[in-house]
Protein backbone atom coordinates (compact mmCIF):
# COMPACT_ATOMS: atom_id res chain seq x y z
CA ILE A 1 -15.78 10.40 18.09
CA CYS A 2 -17.21 10.18 14.60
CA PRO A 3 -16.55 6.83 12.85
CA SER A 4 -14.66 8.69 10.10
CA GLY A 5 -12.29 10.03 12.77
CA LYS A 6 -10.75 6.58 13.04
CA ARG A 7 -9.82 6.92 9.36
CA GLY A 8 -8.37 10.41 9.69
CA GLY A 9 -11.71 11.97 8.71
CA ASP A 10 -11.87 10.14 5.37
CA LEU A 11 -15.49 9.61 4.36
CA GLY A 12 -14.60 7.55 1.31
CA GLU A 13 -16.67 7.77 -1.85
CA PHE A 14 -20.32 8.76 -1.83
CA ARG A 15 -22.90 10.02 -4.30
CA GLN A 16 -24.83 13.25 -4.33
CA GLY A 17 -27.82 13.02 -2.00
CA GLN A 18 -26.23 10.59 0.48
CA MET A 19 -25.13 13.28 2.95
CA VAL A 20 -27.11 16.04 4.65
CA PRO A 21 -28.06 18.83 2.18
CA ALA A 22 -25.67 21.52 3.52
CA PHE A 23 -22.71 19.13 3.37
CA ASP A 24 -23.74 17.80 -0.04
CA LYS A 25 -24.01 21.30 -1.50
CA VAL A 26 -20.47 22.26 -0.47
CA VAL A 27 -18.82 18.94 -1.32
CA PHE A 28 -20.17 18.87 -4.87
CA SER A 29 -19.41 22.53 -5.62
CA CYS A 30 -16.05 23.22 -3.95
CA PRO A 31 -12.77 23.05 -5.90
CA VAL A 32 -10.91 19.73 -5.90
CA LEU A 33 -7.84 19.60 -3.61
CA GLU A 34 -8.64 22.96 -1.97
CA PRO A 35 -9.61 22.90 1.74
CA THR A 36 -13.05 24.43 2.28
CA GLY A 37 -14.84 25.38 5.46
CA PRO A 38 -15.55 25.41 8.25
CA LEU A 39 -19.04 24.16 7.50
CA HIS A 40 -21.52 23.60 10.33
CA THR A 41 -24.08 20.78 10.17
CA GLN A 42 -26.07 19.00 12.86
CA PHE A 43 -23.07 16.65 13.16
CA GLY A 44 -20.63 19.43 14.03
CA TYR A 45 -18.07 21.52 12.16
CA HIS A 46 -16.28 20.24 9.08
CA ILE A 47 -13.25 21.16 6.99
CA ILE A 48 -13.69 19.59 3.57
CA LYS A 49 -11.06 18.61 1.05
CA VAL A 50 -12.29 16.76 -2.02
CA LEU A 51 -9.49 14.60 -3.40
CA TYR A 52 -11.17 13.73 -6.72
CA ARG A 53 -14.53 13.53 -8.49
CA ASN A 54 -15.76 10.90 -10.92
């Protein structure tokens, strides 16, 4: 299981460029509070929900 799975999938805060490019592109362009996906990366499939942006 992915380490974030132990936290309910929460990846915490991260900056642009810290994640794989496909994930980064979606995370920093999707609407806040709106579930997005599924997105496939080399780590598997992801449903993304951005809670806030600074």
